[in-house]
């Protein structure tokens, strides 16, 4: 986008600075939600003490959220990754509490 402003490589790109910042905010929100949703398989791994359960549940989360048909994906609905991120934060808090309890015993 910056090079197009200087060299005028294409005339199709008509982005304003407001569009640019709106996209940056959307990317940051999606990145944070995805990072949080990536922690959901931690619950299954800690519950079963199993690496295959962790790997399998992570594949399931990715398959459900990232599968797309006709350009539509559940990951495009920002509420789904955000809700997974909120669930993951609860899982992480519970996991830390459980690990502290195991370490003390």
PDB file of N, CA and C in Angstrom:
ATOM      1  N   UNK A   1       0.826  -1.181   0.000  1.00  0.00           N
ATOM      2  CA  UNK A   1       0.000   0.000   0.000  1.00  0.00           C
ATOM      3  C   UNK A   1       0.874   1.250   0.000  1.00  0.00           C
ATOM      4  N   UNK A   2       1.971   1.187   0.771  1.00  0.00           N
ATOM      5  CA  UNK A   2       2.872   2.327   0.804  1.00  0.00           C
ATOM      6  C   UNK A   2       3.570   2.561  -0.523  1.00  0.00           C
ATOM      7  N   UNK A   3       3.991   1.470  -1.168  1.00  0.00           N
ATOM      8  CA  UNK A   3       4.645   1.599  -2.467  1.00  0.00           C
ATOM      9  C   UNK A   3       3.681   2.088  -3.532  1.00  0.00           C
ATOM     10  N   UNK A   4       2.428   1.719  -3.420  1.00  0.00           N
ATOM     11  CA  UNK A   4       1.440   2.174  -4.396  1.00  0.00           C
ATOM     12  C   UNK A   4       1.229   3.690  -4.289  1.00  0.00           C
ATOM     13  N   UNK A   5       1.367   4.233  -3.100  1.00  0.00           N
ATOM     14  CA  UNK A   5       1.237   5.679  -2.932  1.00  0.00           C
ATOM     15  C   UNK A   5       2.365   6.430  -3.639  1.00  0.00           C
ATOM     16  N   UNK A   6       3.553   5.809  -3.706  1.00  0.00           N
ATOM     17  CA  UNK A   6       4.719   6.465  -4.302  1.00  0.00           C
ATOM     18  C   UNK A   6       4.803   6.195  -5.803  1.00  0.00           C
ATOM     19  N   UNK A   7       4.691   4.910  -6.177  1.00  0.00           N
ATOM     20  CA  UNK A   7       4.929   4.513  -7.564  1.00  0.00           C
ATOM     21  C   UNK A   7       3.662   4.342  -8.399  1.00  0.00           C
ATOM     22  N   UNK A   8       2.490   4.374  -7.791  1.00  0.00           N
ATOM     23  CA  UNK A   8       1.204   4.212  -8.485  1.00  0.00           C
ATOM     24  C   UNK A   8       1.200   2.938  -9.338  1.00  0.00           C
ATOM     25  N   UNK A   9       1.433   1.819  -8.662  1.00  0.00           N
ATOM     26  CA  UNK A   9       1.497   0.529  -9.341  1.00  0.00           C
ATOM     27  C   UNK A   9       0.134   0.092  -9.865  1.00  0.00           C
ATOM     28  N   UNK A  10      -0.906   0.386  -9.134  1.00  0.00           N
ATOM     29  CA  UNK A  10      -2.248   0.015  -9.557  1.00  0.00           C
ATOM     30  C   UNK A  10      -3.218   1.133  -9.189  1.00  0.00           C
ATOM     31  N   UNK A  11      -4.236   1.287  -9.975  1.00  0.00           N
ATOM     32  CA  UNK A  11      -5.241   2.311  -9.670  1.00  0.00           C
ATOM     33  C   UNK A  11      -6.450   1.718  -8.958  1.00  0.00           C
ATOM     34  N   UNK A  12      -6.450   0.397  -8.807  1.00  0.00           N
ATOM     35  CA  UNK A  12      -7.581  -0.284  -8.179  1.00  0.00           C
ATOM     36  C   UNK A  12      -7.580  -0.067  -6.675  1.00  0.00           C
ATOM     37  N   UNK A  13      -6.409   0.036  -6.076  1.00  0.00           N
ATOM     38  CA  UNK A  13      -6.302   0.133  -4.635  1.00  0.00           C
ATOM     39  C   UNK A  13      -6.637   1.560  -4.181  1.00  0.00           C
ATOM     40  N   UNK A  14      -7.787   1.712  -3.580  1.00  0.00           N
ATOM     41  CA  UNK A  14      -8.230   3.021  -3.098  1.00  0.00           C
ATOM     42  C   UNK A  14      -8.459   2.945  -1.587  1.00  0.00           C
ATOM     43  N   UNK A  15      -7.433   2.651  -0.860  1.00  0.00           N
ATOM     44  CA  UNK A  15      -7.563   2.542   0.584  1.00  0.00           C
ATOM     45  C   UNK A  15      -7.256   3.882   1.242  1.00  0.00           C
ATOM     46  N   UNK A  16      -8.069   4.211   2.207  1.00  0.00           N
ATOM     47  CA  UNK A  16      -7.808   5.410   2.993  1.00  0.00           C
ATOM     48  C   UNK A  16      -7.097   5.009   4.269  1.00  0.00           C
ATOM     49  N   UNK A  17      -6.619   5.960   5.002  1.00  0.00           N
ATOM     50  CA  UNK A  17      -5.930   5.672   6.259  1.00  0.00           C
ATOM     51  C   UNK A  17      -6.907   5.090   7.282  1.00  0.00           C
ATOM     52  N   UNK A  18      -8.185   5.475   7.205  1.00  0.00           N
ATOM     53  CA  UNK A  18      -9.198   4.905   8.100  1.00  0.00           C
ATOM     54  C   UNK A  18      -9.419   3.423   7.801  1.00  0.00           C
ATOM     55  N   UNK A  19      -9.450   3.067   6.518  1.00  0.00           N
ATOM     56  CA  UNK A  19      -9.568   1.654   6.143  1.00  0.00           C
ATOM     57  C   UNK A  19      -8.372   0.863   6.645  1.00  0.00           C
ATOM     58  N   UNK A  20      -7.202   1.459   6.537  1.00  0.00           N
ATOM     59  CA  UNK A  20      -5.974   0.797   6.969  1.00  0.00           C
ATOM     60  C   UNK A  20      -6.006   0.515   8.474  1.00  0.00           C
ATOM     61  N   UNK A  21      -6.359   1.504   9.284  1.00  0.00           N
ATOM     62  CA  UNK A  21      -6.393   1.307  10.729  1.00  0.00           C
ATOM     63  C   UNK A  21      -7.521   0.374  11.148  1.00  0.00           C
ATOM     64  N   UNK A  22      -8.636   0.403  10.447  1.00  0.00           N
ATOM     65  CA  UNK A  22      -9.729  -0.528  10.750  1.00  0.00           C
ATOM     66  C   UNK A  22      -9.285  -1.966  10.498  1.00  0.00           C
ATOM     67  N   UNK A  23      -8.535  -2.170   9.425  1.00  0.00           N
ATOM     68  CA  UNK A  23      -8.032  -3.520   9.127  1.00  0.00           C
ATOM     69  C   UNK A  23      -6.980  -3.960  10.141  1.00  0.00           C
ATOM     70  N   UNK A  24      -6.130  -3.044  10.571  1.00  0.00           N
ATOM     71  CA  UNK A  24      -5.127  -3.362  11.597  1.00  0.00           C
ATOM     72  C   UNK A  24      -5.805  -3.782  12.893  1.00  0.00           C
ATOM     73  N   UNK A  25      -6.835  -3.071  13.293  1.00  0.00           N
ATOM     74  CA  UNK A  25      -7.566  -3.425  14.515  1.00  0.00           C
ATOM     75  C   UNK A  25      -8.230  -4.783  14.364  1.00  0.00           C
ATOM     76  N   UNK A  26      -8.801  -5.060  13.201  1.00  0.00           N
ATOM     77  CA  UNK A  26      -9.440  -6.358  12.958  1.00  0.00           C
ATOM     78  C   UNK A  26      -8.409  -7.481  13.006  1.00  0.00           C
ATOM     79  N   UNK A  27      -7.249  -7.251  12.437  1.00  0.00           N
ATOM     80  CA  UNK A  27      -6.182  -8.258  12.450  1.00  0.00           C
ATOM     81  C   UNK A  27      -5.706  -8.512  13.874  1.00  0.00           C
ATOM     82  N   UNK A  28      -5.533  -7.463  14.660  1.00  0.00           N
ATOM     83  CA  UNK A  28      -5.096  -7.629  16.048  1.00  0.00           C
ATOM     84  C   UNK A  28      -6.122  -8.394  16.874  1.00  0.00           C
ATOM     85  N   UNK A  29      -7.400  -8.069  16.698  1.00  0.00           N
ATOM     86  CA  UNK A  29      -8.454  -8.787  17.428  1.00  0.00           C
ATOM     87  C   UNK A  29      -8.480 -10.260  17.036  1.00  0.00           C
ATOM     88  N   UNK A  30      -8.366 -10.522  15.744  1.00  0.00           N
ATOM     89  CA  UNK A  30      -8.384 -11.908  15.277  1.00  0.00           C
ATOM     90  C   UNK A  30      -7.147 -12.664  15.777  1.00  0.00           C
ATOM     91  N   UNK A  31      -6.003 -12.002  15.815  1.00  0.00           N
ATOM     92  CA  UNK A  31      -4.785 -12.649  16.298  1.00  0.00           C
ATOM     93  C   UNK A  31      -4.887 -12.988  17.782  1.00  0.00           C
ATOM     94  N   UNK A  32      -5.396 -12.063  18.572  1.00  0.00           N
ATOM     95  CA  UNK A  32      -5.562 -12.338  19.999  1.00  0.00           C
ATOM     96  C   UNK A  32      -6.581 -13.451  20.233  1.00  0.00           C
ATOM     97  N   UNK A  33      -7.669 -13.423  19.489  1.00  0.00           N
ATOM     98  CA  UNK A  33      -8.691 -14.464  19.631  1.00  0.00           C
ATOM     99  C   UNK A  33      -8.147 -15.824  19.204  1.00  0.00           C
ATOM    100  N   UNK A  34      -7.352 -15.856  18.146  1.00  0.00           N
ATOM    101  CA  UNK A  34      -6.778 -17.122  17.683  1.00  0.00           C
ATOM    102  C   UNK A  34      -5.768 -17.663  18.674  1.00  0.00           C
ATOM    103  N   UNK A  35      -4.963 -16.777  19.250  1.00  0.00           N
ATOM    104  CA  UNK A  35      -3.988 -17.211  20.255  1.00  0.00           C
ATOM    105  C   UNK A  35      -4.699 -17.779  21.480  1.00  0.00           C
ATOM    106  N   UNK A  36      -5.794 -17.159  21.873  1.00  0.00           N
ATOM    107  CA  UNK A  36      -6.558 -17.682  23.002  1.00  0.00           C
ATOM    108  C   UNK A  36      -7.241 -18.989  22.669  1.00  0.00           C
ATOM    109  N   UNK A  37      -7.794 -19.098  21.471  1.00  0.00           N
ATOM    110  CA  UNK A  37      -8.473 -20.333  21.065  1.00  0.00           C
ATOM    111  C   UNK A  37      -7.489 -21.482  20.940  1.00  0.00           C
ATOM    112  N   UNK A  38      -6.242 -21.181  20.693  1.00  0.00           N
ATOM    113  CA  UNK A  38      -5.226 -22.231  20.591  1.00  0.00           C
ATOM    114  C   UNK A  38      -4.966 -22.897  21.938  1.00  0.00           C
ATOM    115  N   UNK A  39      -5.396 -22.271  23.015  1.00  0.00           N
ATOM    116  CA  UNK A  39      -5.196 -22.841  24.351  1.00  0.00           C
ATOM    117  C   UNK A  39      -6.309 -23.803  24.767  1.00  0.00           C
ATOM    118  N   UNK A  40      -7.379 -23.879  23.997  1.00  0.00           N
ATOM    119  CA  UNK A  40      -8.492 -24.774  24.339  1.00  0.00           C
ATOM    120  C   UNK A  40      -8.041 -26.233  24.436  1.00  0.00           C
ATOM    121  N   UNK A  41      -7.205 -26.751  23.541  1.00  0.00           N
ATOM    122  CA  UNK A  41      -6.766 -28.145  23.672  1.00  0.00           C
ATOM    123  C   UNK A  41      -5.967 -28.433  24.946  1.00  0.00           C
ATOM    124  N   UNK A  42      -5.484 -27.389  25.608  1.00  0.00           N
ATOM    125  CA  UNK A  42      -4.784 -27.589  26.874  1.00  0.00           C
ATOM    126  C   UNK A  42      -5.678 -28.284  27.890  1.00  0.00           C
ATOM    127  N   UNK A  43      -6.955 -27.961  27.874  1.00  0.00           N
ATOM    128  CA  UNK A  43      -7.901 -28.582  28.797  1.00  0.00           C
ATOM    129  C   UNK A  43      -7.941 -30.098  28.608  1.00  0.00           C
ATOM    130  N   UNK A  44      -8.053 -30.532  27.363  1.00  0.00           N
ATOM    131  CA  UNK A  44      -8.148 -31.966  27.103  1.00  0.00           C
ATOM    132  C   UNK A  44      -6.833 -32.671  27.423  1.00  0.00           C
ATOM    133  N   UNK A  45      -5.733 -32.010  27.148  1.00  0.00           N
ATOM    134  CA  UNK A  45      -4.431 -32.597  27.457  1.00  0.00           C
ATOM    135  C   UNK A  45      -4.206 -32.740  28.948  1.00  0.00           C
ATOM    136  N   UNK A  46      -4.602 -31.743  29.718  1.00  0.00           N
ATOM    137  CA  UNK A  46      -4.424 -31.818  31.164  1.00  0.00           C
ATOM    138  C   UNK A  46      -5.432 -32.759  31.814  1.00  0.00           C
ATOM    139  N   UNK A  47      -6.590 -32.853  31.240  1.00  0.00           N
ATOM    140  CA  UNK A  47      -7.614 -33.725  31.824  1.00  0.00           C
ATOM    141  C   UNK A  47      -7.263 -35.198  31.664  1.00  0.00           C
ATOM    142  N   UNK A  48      -6.757 -35.566  30.486  1.00  0.00           N
ATOM    143  CA  UNK A  48      -6.466 -36.973  30.211  1.00  0.00           C
ATOM    144  C   UNK A  48      -4.990 -37.314  30.355  1.00  0.00           C
ATOM    145  N   UNK A  49      -4.145 -36.323  30.636  1.00  0.00           N
ATOM    146  CA  UNK A  49      -2.693 -36.514  30.703  1.00  0.00           C
ATOM    147  C   UNK A  49      -2.203 -37.216  29.436  1.00  0.00           C
ATOM    148  N   UNK A  50      -2.658 -36.706  28.305  1.00  0.00           N
ATOM    149  CA  UNK A  50      -2.393 -37.394  27.048  1.00  0.00           C
ATOM    150  C   UNK A  50      -2.021 -36.398  25.966  1.00  0.00           C
ATOM    151  N   UNK A  51      -0.880 -36.636  25.343  1.00  0.00           N
ATOM    152  CA  UNK A  51      -0.464 -35.812  24.205  1.00  0.00           C
ATOM    153  C   UNK A  51      -1.359 -36.062  22.986  1.00  0.00           C
ATOM    154  N   UNK A  52      -1.741 -37.327  22.682  1.00  0.00           N
ATOM    155  CA  UNK A  52      -2.639 -37.534  21.540  1.00  0.00           C
ATOM    156  C   UNK A  52      -3.990 -36.836  21.704  1.00  0.00           C
ATOM    157  N   UNK A  53      -4.504 -36.759  22.925  1.00  0.00           N
ATOM    158  CA  UNK A  53      -5.770 -36.051  23.145  1.00  0.00           C
ATOM    159  C   UNK A  53      -5.599 -34.559  22.881  1.00  0.00           C
ATOM    160  N   UNK A  54      -4.457 -34.016  23.269  1.00  0.00           N
ATOM    161  CA  UNK A  54      -4.189 -32.602  23.019  1.00  0.00           C
ATOM    162  C   UNK A  54      -4.091 -32.325  21.524  1.00  0.00           C
ATOM    163  N   UNK A  55      -3.359 -33.157  20.825  1.00  0.00           N
ATOM    164  CA  UNK A  55      -3.179 -32.978  19.386  1.00  0.00           C
ATOM    165  C   UNK A  55      -4.503 -33.162  18.652  1.00  0.00           C
ATOM    166  N   UNK A  56      -5.244 -34.197  19.028  1.00  0.00           N
ATOM    167  CA  UNK A  56      -6.541 -34.455  18.383  1.00  0.00           C
ATOM    168  C   UNK A  56      -7.533 -33.326  18.606  1.00  0.00           C
ATOM    169  N   UNK A  57      -7.592 -32.805  19.831  1.00  0.00           N
ATOM    170  CA  UNK A  57      -8.533 -31.712  20.093  1.00  0.00           C
ATOM    171  C   UNK A  57      -8.101 -30.431  19.399  1.00  0.00           C
ATOM    172  N   UNK A  58      -6.796 -30.201  19.270  1.00  0.00           N
ATOM    173  CA  UNK A  58      -6.360 -29.006  18.543  1.00  0.00           C
ATOM    174  C   UNK A  58      -6.714 -29.113  17.063  1.00  0.00           C
ATOM    175  N   UNK A  59      -6.570 -30.301  16.496  1.00  0.00           N
ATOM    176  CA  UNK A  59      -6.972 -30.492  15.102  1.00  0.00           C
ATOM    177  C   UNK A  59      -8.469 -30.280  14.926  1.00  0.00           C
ATOM    178  N   UNK A  60      -9.242 -30.734  15.891  1.00  0.00           N
ATOM    179  CA  UNK A  60     -10.692 -30.554  15.828  1.00  0.00           C
ATOM    180  C   UNK A  60     -11.071 -29.074  15.890  1.00  0.00           C
ATOM    181  N   UNK A  61     -10.421 -28.322  16.778  1.00  0.00           N
ATOM    182  CA  UNK A  61     -10.703 -26.883  16.881  1.00  0.00           C
ATOM    183  C   UNK A  61     -10.353 -26.180  15.579  1.00  0.00           C
ATOM    184  N   UNK A  62      -9.216 -26.524  14.993  1.00  0.00           N
ATOM    185  CA  UNK A  62      -8.796 -25.896  13.735  1.00  0.00           C
ATOM    186  C   UNK A  62      -9.738 -26.282  12.605  1.00  0.00           C
ATOM    187  N   UNK A  63     -10.131 -27.551  12.539  1.00  0.00           N
ATOM    188  CA  UNK A  63     -11.043 -27.986  11.486  1.00  0.00           C
ATOM    189  C   UNK A  63     -12.381 -27.268  11.564  1.00  0.00           C
ATOM    190  N   UNK A  64     -12.896 -27.099  12.764  1.00  0.00           N
ATOM    191  CA  UNK A  64     -14.211 -26.476  12.923  1.00  0.00           C
ATOM    192  C   UNK A  64     -14.151 -24.992  12.611  1.00  0.00           C
ATOM    193  N   UNK A  65     -13.137 -24.310  13.118  1.00  0.00           N
ATOM    194  CA  UNK A  65     -13.113 -22.861  12.956  1.00  0.00           C
ATOM    195  C   UNK A  65     -12.553 -22.416  11.613  1.00  0.00           C
ATOM    196  N   UNK A  66     -11.674 -23.197  11.008  1.00  0.00           N
ATOM    197  CA  UNK A  66     -11.011 -22.738   9.786  1.00  0.00           C
ATOM    198  C   UNK A  66     -11.562 -23.339   8.505  1.00  0.00           C
ATOM    199  N   UNK A  67     -12.458 -24.293   8.602  1.00  0.00           N
ATOM    200  CA  UNK A  67     -13.008 -24.856   7.382  1.00  0.00           C
ATOM    201  C   UNK A  67     -13.855 -23.796   6.689  1.00  0.00           C
ATOM    202  N   UNK A  68     -13.710 -23.727   5.388  1.00  0.00           N
ATOM    203  CA  UNK A  68     -14.455 -22.696   4.664  1.00  0.00           C
ATOM    204  C   UNK A  68     -15.127 -23.298   3.443  1.00  0.00           C
ATOM    205  N   UNK A  69     -16.267 -22.749   3.144  1.00  0.00           N
ATOM    206  CA  UNK A  69     -16.951 -23.095   1.907  1.00  0.00           C
ATOM    207  C   UNK A  69     -17.468 -21.807   1.299  1.00  0.00           C
ATOM    208  N   UNK A  70     -17.158 -21.596   0.076  1.00  0.00           N
ATOM    209  CA  UNK A  70     -17.543 -20.385  -0.650  1.00  0.00           C
ATOM    210  C   UNK A  70     -17.008 -19.122   0.026  1.00  0.00           C
ATOM    211  N   UNK A  71     -15.829 -19.216   0.619  1.00  0.00           N
ATOM    212  CA  UNK A  71     -15.217 -18.056   1.254  1.00  0.00           C
ATOM    213  C   UNK A  71     -15.728 -17.753   2.643  1.00  0.00           C
ATOM    214  N   UNK A  72     -16.685 -18.541   3.162  1.00  0.00           N
ATOM    215  CA  UNK A  72     -17.214 -18.321   4.505  1.00  0.00           C
ATOM    216  C   UNK A  72     -16.525 -19.273   5.473  1.00  0.00           C
ATOM    217  N   UNK A  73     -16.133 -18.754   6.597  1.00  0.00           N
ATOM    218  CA  UNK A  73     -15.492 -19.546   7.628  1.00  0.00           C
ATOM    219  C   UNK A  73     -16.017 -19.103   8.989  1.00  0.00           C
ATOM    220  N   UNK A  74     -16.063 -20.023   9.945  1.00  0.00           N
ATOM    221  CA  UNK A  74     -16.488 -19.648  11.293  1.00  0.00           C
ATOM    222  C   UNK A  74     -15.500 -18.676  11.927  1.00  0.00           C
ATOM    223  N   UNK A  75     -14.258 -18.705  11.475  1.00  0.00           N
ATOM    224  CA  UNK A  75     -13.257 -17.784  12.005  1.00  0.00           C
ATOM    225  C   UNK A  75     -13.541 -16.355  11.578  1.00  0.00           C
ATOM    226  N   UNK A  76     -14.318 -16.158  10.521  1.00  0.00           N
ATOM    227  CA  UNK A  76     -14.663 -14.809  10.081  1.00  0.00           C
ATOM    228  C   UNK A  76     -15.663 -14.142  11.011  1.00  0.00           C
ATOM    229  N   UNK A  77     -16.441 -14.926  11.732  1.00  0.00           N
ATOM    230  CA  UNK A  77     -17.363 -14.380  12.726  1.00  0.00           C
ATOM    231  C   UNK A  77     -16.535 -14.171  13.985  1.00  0.00           C
ATOM    232  N   UNK A  78     -16.203 -12.954  14.293  1.00  0.00           N
ATOM    233  CA  UNK A  78     -15.243 -12.657  15.346  1.00  0.00           C
ATOM    234  C   UNK A  78     -15.716 -13.148  16.714  1.00  0.00           C
ATOM    235  N   UNK A  79     -17.018 -13.334  16.896  1.00  0.00           N
ATOM    236  CA  UNK A  79     -17.528 -13.775  18.190  1.00  0.00           C
ATOM    237  C   UNK A  79     -17.122 -15.213  18.509  1.00  0.00           C
ATOM    238  N   UNK A  80     -16.954 -16.035  17.509  1.00  0.00           N
ATOM    239  CA  UNK A  80     -16.585 -17.434  17.756  1.00  0.00           C
ATOM    240  C   UNK A  80     -15.144 -17.539  18.245  1.00  0.00           C
ATOM    241  N   UNK A  81     -14.142 -16.953  17.567  1.00  0.00           N
ATOM    242  CA  UNK A  81     -12.789 -16.995  18.132  1.00  0.00           C
ATOM    243  C   UNK A  81     -12.677 -16.268  19.469  1.00  0.00           C
ATOM    244  N   UNK A  82     -13.426 -15.167  19.642  1.00  0.00           N
ATOM    245  CA  UNK A  82     -13.381 -14.467  20.924  1.00  0.00           C
ATOM    246  C   UNK A  82     -13.962 -15.313  22.047  1.00  0.00           C
ATOM    247  N   UNK A  83     -15.059 -16.027  21.773  1.00  0.00           N
ATOM    248  CA  UNK A  83     -15.625 -16.886  22.812  1.00  0.00           C
ATOM    249  C   UNK A  83     -14.687 -18.044  23.123  1.00  0.00           C
ATOM    250  N   UNK A  84     -14.026 -18.586  22.104  1.00  0.00           N
ATOM    251  CA  UNK A  84     -13.028 -19.626  22.360  1.00  0.00           C
ATOM    252  C   UNK A  84     -11.868 -19.072  23.183  1.00  0.00           C
ATOM    253  N   UNK A  85     -11.493 -17.841  22.942  1.00  0.00           N
ATOM    254  CA  UNK A  85     -10.413 -17.225  23.710  1.00  0.00           C
ATOM    255  C   UNK A  85     -10.814 -17.031  25.164  1.00  0.00           C
ATOM    256  N   UNK A  86     -12.053 -16.631  25.402  1.00  0.00           N
ATOM    257  CA  UNK A  86     -12.525 -16.453  26.777  1.00  0.00           C
ATOM    258  C   UNK A  86     -12.582 -17.795  27.495  1.00  0.00           C
ATOM    259  N   UNK A  87     -13.061 -18.825  26.808  1.00  0.00           N
ATOM    260  CA  UNK A  87     -13.071 -20.168  27.380  1.00  0.00           C
ATOM    261  C   UNK A  87     -11.644 -20.609  27.689  1.00  0.00           C
ATOM    262  N   UNK A  88     -10.724 -20.311  26.786  1.00  0.00           N
ATOM    263  CA  UNK A  88      -9.324 -20.706  26.978  1.00  0.00           C
ATOM    264  C   UNK A  88      -8.705 -20.002  28.175  1.00  0.00           C
ATOM    265  N   UNK A  89      -9.056 -18.741  28.400  1.00  0.00           N
ATOM    266  CA  UNK A  89      -8.530 -18.050  29.573  1.00  0.00           C
ATOM    267  C   UNK A  89      -8.994 -18.722  30.859  1.00  0.00           C
ATOM    268  N   UNK A  90     -10.237 -19.163  30.889  1.00  0.00           N
ATOM    269  CA  UNK A  90     -10.723 -19.919  32.043  1.00  0.00           C
ATOM    270  C   UNK A  90      -9.989 -21.239  32.196  1.00  0.00           C
ATOM    271  N   UNK A  91      -9.709 -21.894  31.081  1.00  0.00           N
ATOM    272  CA  UNK A  91      -8.967 -23.164  31.113  1.00  0.00           C
ATOM    273  C   UNK A  91      -7.560 -22.941  31.634  1.00  0.00           C
ATOM    274  N   UNK A  92      -6.909 -21.889  31.177  1.00  0.00           N
ATOM    275  CA  UNK A  92      -5.549 -21.599  31.629  1.00  0.00           C
ATOM    276  C   UNK A  92      -5.534 -21.286  33.124  1.00  0.00           C
ATOM    277  N   UNK A  93      -6.507 -20.511  33.589  1.00  0.00           N
ATOM    278  CA  UNK A  93      -6.578 -20.209  35.019  1.00  0.00           C
ATOM    279  C   UNK A  93      -6.774 -21.484  35.825  1.00  0.00           C
ATOM    280  N   UNK A  94      -7.657 -22.361  35.364  1.00  0.00           N
ATOM    281  CA  UNK A  94      -7.865 -23.643  36.043  1.00  0.00           C
ATOM    282  C   UNK A  94      -6.636 -24.530  35.983  1.00  0.00           C
ATOM    283  N   UNK A  95      -5.940 -24.521  34.853  1.00  0.00           N
ATOM    284  CA  UNK A  95      -4.743 -25.343  34.708  1.00  0.00           C
ATOM    285  C   UNK A  95      -3.638 -24.864  35.635  1.00  0.00           C
ATOM    286  N   UNK A  96      -3.467 -23.558  35.737  1.00  0.00           N
ATOM    287  CA  UNK A  96      -2.440 -23.033  36.642  1.00  0.00           C
ATOM    288  C   UNK A  96      -2.779 -23.375  38.087  1.00  0.00           C
ATOM    289  N   UNK A  97      -4.056 -23.252  38.436  1.00  0.00           N
ATOM    290  CA  UNK A  97      -4.482 -23.611  39.796  1.00  0.00           C
ATOM    291  C   UNK A  97      -4.242 -25.102  40.063  1.00  0.00           C
ATOM    292  N   UNK A  98      -4.537 -25.943  39.082  1.00  0.00           N
ATOM    293  CA  UNK A  98      -4.345 -27.386  39.251  1.00  0.00           C
ATOM    294  C   UNK A  98      -2.864 -27.737  39.357  1.00  0.00           C
ATOM    295  N   UNK A  99      -2.042 -27.095  38.544  1.00  0.00           N
ATOM    296  CA  UNK A  99      -0.605 -27.357  38.592  1.00  0.00           C
ATOM    297  C   UNK A  99      -0.028 -26.919  39.930  1.00  0.00           C
ATOM    298  N   UNK A 100      -0.470 -25.770  40.463  1.00  0.00           N
ATOM    299  CA  UNK A 100      -0.008 -25.329  41.779  1.00  0.00           C
ATOM    300  C   UNK A 100      -0.431 -26.306  42.858  1.00  0.00           C
ATOM    301  N   UNK A 101      -1.642 -26.826  42.769  1.00  0.00           N
ATOM    302  CA  UNK A 101      -2.140 -27.783  43.766  1.00  0.00           C
ATOM    303  C   UNK A 101      -1.338 -29.083  43.698  1.00  0.00           C
ATOM    304  N   UNK A 102      -1.009 -29.545  42.491  1.00  0.00           N
ATOM    305  CA  UNK A 102      -0.235 -30.783  42.343  1.00  0.00           C
ATOM    306  C   UNK A 102       1.176 -30.581  42.875  1.00  0.00           C
ATOM    307  N   UNK A 103       1.778 -29.416  42.604  1.00  0.00           N
ATOM    308  CA  UNK A 103       3.133 -29.132  43.068  1.00  0.00           C
ATOM    309  C   UNK A 103       3.204 -29.060  44.581  1.00  0.00           C
ATOM    310  N   UNK A 104       2.158 -28.570  45.239  1.00  0.00           N
ATOM    311  CA  UNK A 104       2.164 -28.459  46.693  1.00  0.00           C
ATOM    312  C   UNK A 104       1.991 -29.800  47.374  1.00  0.00           C
ATOM    313  N   UNK A 105       1.365 -30.756  46.703  1.00  0.00           N
ATOM    314  CA  UNK A 105       1.142 -32.082  47.316  1.00  0.00           C
ATOM    315  C   UNK A 105       2.266 -32.955  47.038  1.00  0.00           C
TER     316      UNK A 105
END
